[in-house]
Structures are given as C-alpha cells and as structure tokens.
C-alpha cells in the first residue's frame, strides 16, 4: 500500500492531508474547551449548533463553490482554502461571544467544503492506475482513522505544557503546512472545462448521481453509513457510561475499537478489491451495518456485565469494519463514473450529499435516544439502514467491469443497471 508514496506529487499531497488532519484534530479539542469557557454548562448547545453549521456548510457550499471555481487553477484553489482556514483558526482564541464562534466555524467549514472535494478530485489525475488509486484510498482512510485516535492523545500531551488557546495555533500551522506542501507539488494540468451556464455547472454533479445507477446506489449507501455512524457518535457514551456503568476511559476504548475495525479493513481492502468487484464489497458492508445496529439494540437491553462490555467492543469493531467496506471504495465509483470535465462536480456532489444524510441521522439518533431509549433508536436506525441498503442493491444490479475507468460524458445516455 505504501508503494504509492513513491509518486512524488502524491507523497506531497498525502503529507498535506495528514498535516491538515492533525490540525483539524487539535481544533476539535480546542473548540470544545473554548465552548465550555464561554458557555459553561451550555457548552453542549454551543457545540451542537456549531456541528449543525458545519454540516449545513458542507451541504450547501460544496456544489456552489465547485460551480463557481470550475476554471480556477487547482493549486490556487487548494492553497487559498488552506490559508483561509488558518486565518480562521488563529482568530478563534480571540472570540468572546458564542455567535462569533458560529460565524467563524461557518467560514472555516466553507473553506473545508471547498478544499476537500477539490483535493479528492485531484488524486485520480495524479494516480492514473486504478490499482494505485485503490491503495491511495486505503491510505487516506487509514490517515482519517489514525487522526481520530491520535489527535486526542496529542492534544492531551500538549495541554500539560500549554493552554488550550495554543492548540488553535497548532491548527493554523497544520493548515499552513498543508498549503506549503500543495505549493511544492507539481500538479497535473487541468483540462479547461467548456463554458456552460452556472445552473448547469451547479447541478452537474447531482445529475451525474441521478443518471448513473451505481452512483444512485452510492447515495443510498451514504445513508446506510450515516445511520450507523450517528448511533456510534451520538450514543456510545450513553451505552457505555450510563447503561453499562463503565468509565470515561472505557468510552474512549469503545470508540477506538470502532476506529480499529475501520483501519483493519482499510489495510486489507486493496488486495480484496483486486479479487472481488466493488459492488460485492460495498453491498456486503451495507448488509452488515443494519445487522450490527440490531446487535446494538440487543446490547442496550443486556445487563451490565463483563460479557456485555466485550460484546460492545466486538460489535463496534464490526461496525467500523463494515463502514470502511463502503467508504474506502466509494471514490473508485466517483472516479469511474466521471471524466476530466465532470470529476470536480461529482466529487463535490458526493461530499454534499453524503453530509446531507448526517443532517437526518444525527438529530434522529440524539432525539430518539433521549426520548425512546437506545434499543428503539438502534432498531429505527437499523430499519433506515436496511431500507437504504436494499435500495442500493436494487439500483446497482450489475457488477462494474474490472478496469473500467470512466463512463462517457454526462450528456451521454445513462449507464445500464
């Protein structure tokens, strides 16, 4: 998997991704502490609003920016996004009111909604071979999982010698480092897109999803992932500390088990995808996640005991692994069913539509968990995931031929199911 790092351009871009992820991880910790400083016991409300603003920025900004910047050089777009994110991060320690956090978070996440799809759409042009691209996707997934595990540890270590305000400086340095690495990379020449009306550019990615059965299936699988992830992110602390009476450390261990499952799959998936088609692998993940949520519902009913605790760790590992079965290969579909002119719009549409699913499932997991309890909540989310998984299987009824790199332009007839 590390062979792809021999490509100097990809090596710089991947390093830029890792550096930016570290900065983002520090930001998550520092933002929570800042919210507590400003709002005390209402910090959860501040963070909840900030996370909602983040998702709204992701959903609304990505396709608009993709349409507006279709002719902007990619290096300029990426570097300017990083510089803007750094400027926002360095401004956060100076806020004195919660509304200022909301404004700055919207600007920062709008910049991220600009950077991330453009960055993701660039990698297929850097790594033209599908086998190399697959390994790059696994490496990227591994980076995300490692960040979620290591950033809190790094932040805790730094907080023993500096104040949390200084973590924002670390975040800004991460984004500046990312910008510097992008500047140093020699990027492929972008083919100038045809001049088309703004509305056409704005809806190009969404129309690609609608016209292509495999991408419609991916949209349904995004909802499968969102249902399971929402249960994990929102209600793990309730299950572990309230229902089972475990400690905060055990809560962290449970989330680590979820991340470890994702990492194990990310490491092994390139070889699996060399032997099995994307459809089989991704639909397997879509089948496992609803079953895993049913297992969560049963664990929520079980008595607090050591076997139940071990059962939670196993189920969370499986949920992480199944999530990676869907997410890691998903960019292969975006690459395959786009070309040089439509790829940025398709990646932006995936970024926006996938996060739109979380706007549905996050509130459901929180509100239903508080009002109905964890077992009904897990069963309702399992039903949503199951219906979405069946929809994906029915939409994607024919395996994709191995080695097919792209489809005709968006104006061509839709691919056969």
Foldseek 3Di string as FASTA:
>chain_A
DCPLCVLVQVVLLVVLVLLLLLLVLLVVVLLLVVLCVQPPVCSVVLVVLLVVLLLVLLQPQQLLLCLVCLQPDLLVLQLVLLQLLLVLLLCVVVDRHSVSSNVSSNSNSNSVSRNVLSSLLQVCVSPVFPLSVLLVLLVSLLSNLVSVLCSVVVNVVVVVPDPSSCSSVSSSVSSNSSSVSSVVHDGDDADRADDDDSVCSSCLQVLLLVQALLSVLLLLLLLLLLLLVLLLVQCLCCQACPQQVHDPVLSSLLLNLLSVLLSVLSVVVSVVCVPDFLVVQLLVLLVQSLVLLLLQLVLSVDHRDPVSSVSSSVSSSSNSNSSNSNSSCVSQVLQLAADSSCSSSNSSNCSNSSSVSNVVNNVLSNVCCVPVNSNVSSNVSSVSSNVSSVSSCVSCVDTDDPPRGYDPHSVDRGDDD
